[in-house]
């Protein structure tokens, strides 16, 4: 993710997907829909950032809810 001088996300890229419930939690090959990337950008944009900067962040992806990036698995998926 890249944040501009105003603290706004200027670019967001899915670099890797990991199966955190799998036996190895290693990277997996998954096609992430554009609806999820849009949801992730909206979700991450709610946080305050100091820019300009570039860094890695994460969200949880649930294939059964491809338009939600606000999933918290510790809260039962809600």
N, C-alpha and C. Protein backbone atom coordinates (compact mmCIF):
# COMPACT_ATOMS: atom_id res chain seq x y z
N UNK A 1 0.85 -1.16 0.00
CA UNK A 1 0.00 0.00 0.00
C UNK A 1 0.90 1.23 0.00
N UNK A 2 0.50 2.21 -0.77
CA UNK A 2 1.21 3.49 -0.80
C UNK A 2 0.25 4.57 -0.34
N UNK A 3 0.75 5.42 0.56
CA UNK A 3 -0.04 6.51 1.12
C UNK A 3 0.63 7.82 0.70
N UNK A 4 -0.18 8.77 0.23
CA UNK A 4 0.37 10.05 -0.21
C UNK A 4 0.62 10.98 0.97
N UNK A 5 1.10 12.18 0.68
CA UNK A 5 1.45 13.14 1.73
C UNK A 5 0.25 13.55 2.59
N UNK A 6 -0.95 13.43 2.03
CA UNK A 6 -2.16 13.78 2.79
C UNK A 6 -2.66 12.61 3.65
N UNK A 7 -1.96 11.46 3.58
CA UNK A 7 -2.36 10.31 4.37
C UNK A 7 -3.44 9.46 3.72
N UNK A 8 -3.69 9.68 2.43
CA UNK A 8 -4.71 8.94 1.68
C UNK A 8 -4.04 7.81 0.89
N UNK A 9 -4.72 6.69 0.77
CA UNK A 9 -4.18 5.57 0.00
C UNK A 9 -4.15 5.96 -1.47
N UNK A 10 -2.97 5.91 -2.05
CA UNK A 10 -2.83 6.23 -3.47
C UNK A 10 -2.71 4.97 -4.32
N UNK A 11 -2.26 3.87 -3.73
CA UNK A 11 -2.25 2.60 -4.45
C UNK A 11 -2.36 1.45 -3.46
N UNK A 12 -3.00 0.40 -3.94
CA UNK A 12 -3.22 -0.79 -3.11
C UNK A 12 -3.08 -2.00 -4.01
N UNK A 13 -2.27 -2.96 -3.59
CA UNK A 13 -2.01 -4.13 -4.41
C UNK A 13 -2.05 -5.38 -3.54
N UNK A 14 -2.74 -6.41 -4.03
CA UNK A 14 -2.72 -7.71 -3.36
C UNK A 14 -1.44 -8.40 -3.78
N UNK A 15 -0.59 -8.69 -2.81
CA UNK A 15 0.70 -9.29 -3.10
C UNK A 15 0.67 -10.79 -2.85
N UNK A 16 -0.03 -11.19 -1.81
CA UNK A 16 -0.02 -12.60 -1.43
C UNK A 16 -1.27 -12.93 -0.63
N UNK A 17 -1.73 -14.16 -0.78
CA UNK A 17 -2.85 -14.66 0.00
C UNK A 17 -2.35 -15.86 0.78
N UNK A 18 -2.68 -15.89 2.07
CA UNK A 18 -2.28 -17.02 2.93
C UNK A 18 -3.52 -17.66 3.51
N UNK A 19 -3.48 -18.97 3.63
CA UNK A 19 -4.57 -19.72 4.25
C UNK A 19 -4.26 -19.87 5.73
N UNK A 20 -4.80 -18.97 6.54
CA UNK A 20 -4.48 -18.98 7.97
C UNK A 20 -5.14 -20.12 8.73
N UNK A 21 -6.11 -20.78 8.10
CA UNK A 21 -6.76 -21.93 8.74
C UNK A 21 -6.16 -23.25 8.25
N UNK A 22 -5.28 -23.19 7.29
CA UNK A 22 -4.67 -24.39 6.74
C UNK A 22 -3.58 -24.93 7.65
N UNK A 23 -3.04 -26.06 7.28
CA UNK A 23 -2.03 -26.71 8.11
C UNK A 23 -0.70 -25.98 8.12
N UNK A 24 -0.37 -25.25 7.05
CA UNK A 24 0.93 -24.58 7.00
C UNK A 24 0.84 -23.07 7.06
N UNK A 25 -0.32 -22.52 6.85
CA UNK A 25 -0.56 -21.08 6.75
C UNK A 25 0.32 -20.43 5.68
N UNK A 26 0.73 -21.20 4.71
CA UNK A 26 1.57 -20.70 3.64
C UNK A 26 0.76 -20.03 2.55
N UNK A 27 1.45 -19.44 1.58
CA UNK A 27 0.77 -18.77 0.46
C UNK A 27 -0.05 -19.76 -0.36
N UNK A 28 -1.18 -19.28 -0.86
CA UNK A 28 -2.05 -20.08 -1.73
C UNK A 28 -2.36 -19.28 -2.98
N UNK A 29 -2.68 -19.98 -4.05
CA UNK A 29 -3.06 -19.35 -5.30
C UNK A 29 -4.57 -19.15 -5.31
N UNK A 30 -5.00 -17.91 -5.19
CA UNK A 30 -6.42 -17.57 -5.17
C UNK A 30 -6.61 -16.33 -6.04
N UNK A 31 -7.65 -16.35 -6.85
CA UNK A 31 -7.98 -15.16 -7.63
C UNK A 31 -8.85 -14.27 -6.75
N UNK A 32 -8.36 -13.07 -6.48
CA UNK A 32 -9.09 -12.12 -5.65
C UNK A 32 -9.93 -11.23 -6.56
N UNK A 33 -11.25 -11.19 -6.34
CA UNK A 33 -12.10 -10.37 -7.21
C UNK A 33 -11.91 -8.87 -6.97
N UNK A 34 -12.17 -8.09 -7.99
CA UNK A 34 -12.05 -6.63 -7.90
C UNK A 34 -12.95 -6.08 -6.79
N UNK A 35 -14.10 -6.73 -6.56
CA UNK A 35 -15.01 -6.26 -5.50
C UNK A 35 -14.34 -6.32 -4.13
N UNK A 36 -13.47 -7.31 -3.92
CA UNK A 36 -12.77 -7.40 -2.64
C UNK A 36 -11.71 -6.31 -2.52
N UNK A 37 -10.98 -6.06 -3.59
CA UNK A 37 -9.95 -5.02 -3.55
C UNK A 37 -10.60 -3.66 -3.28
N UNK A 38 -11.75 -3.42 -3.89
CA UNK A 38 -12.50 -2.18 -3.64
C UNK A 38 -12.92 -2.10 -2.17
N UNK A 39 -13.42 -3.21 -1.63
CA UNK A 39 -13.83 -3.25 -0.22
C UNK A 39 -12.63 -3.07 0.71
N UNK A 40 -11.51 -3.67 0.36
CA UNK A 40 -10.31 -3.53 1.18
C UNK A 40 -9.82 -2.09 1.20
N UNK A 41 -9.85 -1.43 0.05
CA UNK A 41 -9.43 -0.02 -0.01
C UNK A 41 -10.34 0.84 0.87
N UNK A 42 -11.65 0.61 0.78
CA UNK A 42 -12.60 1.37 1.60
C UNK A 42 -12.37 1.11 3.09
N UNK A 43 -12.16 -0.15 3.45
CA UNK A 43 -11.93 -0.52 4.85
C UNK A 43 -10.64 0.10 5.37
N UNK A 44 -9.56 -0.04 4.62
CA UNK A 44 -8.27 0.50 5.06
C UNK A 44 -8.26 2.03 5.06
N UNK A 45 -9.07 2.65 4.23
CA UNK A 45 -9.13 4.11 4.18
C UNK A 45 -9.73 4.73 5.43
N UNK A 46 -10.38 3.93 6.25
CA UNK A 46 -10.96 4.43 7.50
C UNK A 46 -9.90 4.66 8.58
N UNK A 47 -8.71 4.11 8.38
CA UNK A 47 -7.63 4.24 9.35
C UNK A 47 -6.81 5.49 9.06
N UNK A 48 -6.26 6.11 10.10
CA UNK A 48 -5.39 7.27 9.86
C UNK A 48 -3.97 6.81 9.46
N UNK A 49 -3.39 7.48 8.50
CA UNK A 49 -2.02 7.18 8.06
C UNK A 49 -1.23 8.47 7.99
N UNK A 50 0.08 8.35 8.18
CA UNK A 50 0.99 9.47 7.98
C UNK A 50 1.76 9.18 6.71
N UNK A 51 1.77 10.12 5.80
CA UNK A 51 2.45 9.88 4.53
C UNK A 51 3.43 10.97 4.22
N UNK A 52 4.10 10.85 3.16
CA UNK A 52 4.02 9.73 2.23
C UNK A 52 4.78 8.52 2.78
N UNK A 53 4.26 7.34 2.47
CA UNK A 53 4.92 6.11 2.89
C UNK A 53 4.39 4.93 2.08
N UNK A 54 5.14 3.85 2.17
CA UNK A 54 4.74 2.61 1.51
C UNK A 54 4.96 1.49 2.51
N UNK A 55 3.97 0.64 2.68
CA UNK A 55 4.08 -0.43 3.67
C UNK A 55 3.12 -1.56 3.36
N UNK A 56 3.21 -2.62 4.14
CA UNK A 56 2.37 -3.79 3.99
C UNK A 56 1.33 -3.80 5.10
N UNK A 57 0.11 -4.11 4.75
CA UNK A 57 -0.97 -4.27 5.72
C UNK A 57 -1.73 -5.52 5.31
N UNK A 58 -2.70 -5.93 6.08
CA UNK A 58 -3.45 -7.12 5.71
C UNK A 58 -4.91 -6.98 6.09
N UNK A 59 -5.73 -7.74 5.39
CA UNK A 59 -7.14 -7.90 5.70
C UNK A 59 -7.44 -9.38 5.52
N UNK A 60 -8.57 -9.82 6.01
CA UNK A 60 -8.97 -11.22 5.88
C UNK A 60 -9.95 -11.36 4.73
N UNK A 61 -9.71 -12.36 3.88
CA UNK A 61 -10.57 -12.61 2.72
C UNK A 61 -11.35 -13.91 2.95
N UNK A 62 -12.65 -13.84 2.77
CA UNK A 62 -13.53 -15.00 2.87
C UNK A 62 -14.19 -15.16 1.50
N UNK A 63 -13.87 -16.22 0.75
CA UNK A 63 -14.44 -16.39 -0.59
C UNK A 63 -15.97 -16.39 -0.62
N UNK A 64 -16.60 -16.71 0.50
CA UNK A 64 -18.06 -16.69 0.53
C UNK A 64 -18.62 -15.28 0.70
N UNK A 65 -17.74 -14.31 0.99
CA UNK A 65 -18.14 -12.91 1.15
C UNK A 65 -17.16 -12.02 0.38
N UNK A 66 -17.17 -12.12 -0.95
CA UNK A 66 -16.13 -11.46 -1.76
C UNK A 66 -16.17 -9.94 -1.79
N UNK A 67 -17.18 -9.34 -1.19
CA UNK A 67 -17.25 -7.87 -1.16
C UNK A 67 -17.04 -7.31 0.23
N UNK A 68 -16.50 -8.13 1.14
CA UNK A 68 -16.25 -7.68 2.51
C UNK A 68 -14.78 -7.81 2.87
N UNK A 69 -14.22 -6.74 3.39
CA UNK A 69 -12.84 -6.77 3.86
C UNK A 69 -12.78 -6.47 5.35
N UNK A 70 -13.94 -6.30 5.98
CA UNK A 70 -13.98 -5.95 7.39
C UNK A 70 -14.22 -7.17 8.29
N UNK A 71 -13.87 -8.34 7.79
CA UNK A 71 -14.10 -9.58 8.53
C UNK A 71 -13.05 -9.74 9.62
N UNK A 72 -13.52 -10.11 10.80
CA UNK A 72 -12.62 -10.36 11.93
C UNK A 72 -12.84 -11.81 12.36
N UNK A 73 -11.92 -12.71 11.99
CA UNK A 73 -12.12 -14.12 12.31
C UNK A 73 -12.16 -14.40 13.81
N UNK A 74 -11.55 -13.53 14.61
CA UNK A 74 -11.58 -13.72 16.07
C UNK A 74 -12.95 -13.40 16.64
N UNK A 75 -13.78 -12.72 15.85
CA UNK A 75 -15.14 -12.39 16.31
C UNK A 75 -16.17 -13.28 15.61
N UNK A 76 -15.74 -14.46 15.19
CA UNK A 76 -16.65 -15.39 14.54
C UNK A 76 -16.98 -15.03 13.12
N UNK A 77 -16.09 -14.28 12.43
CA UNK A 77 -16.32 -13.93 11.04
C UNK A 77 -17.18 -12.70 10.84
N UNK A 78 -17.54 -12.02 11.88
CA UNK A 78 -18.40 -10.84 11.75
C UNK A 78 -17.60 -9.57 11.83
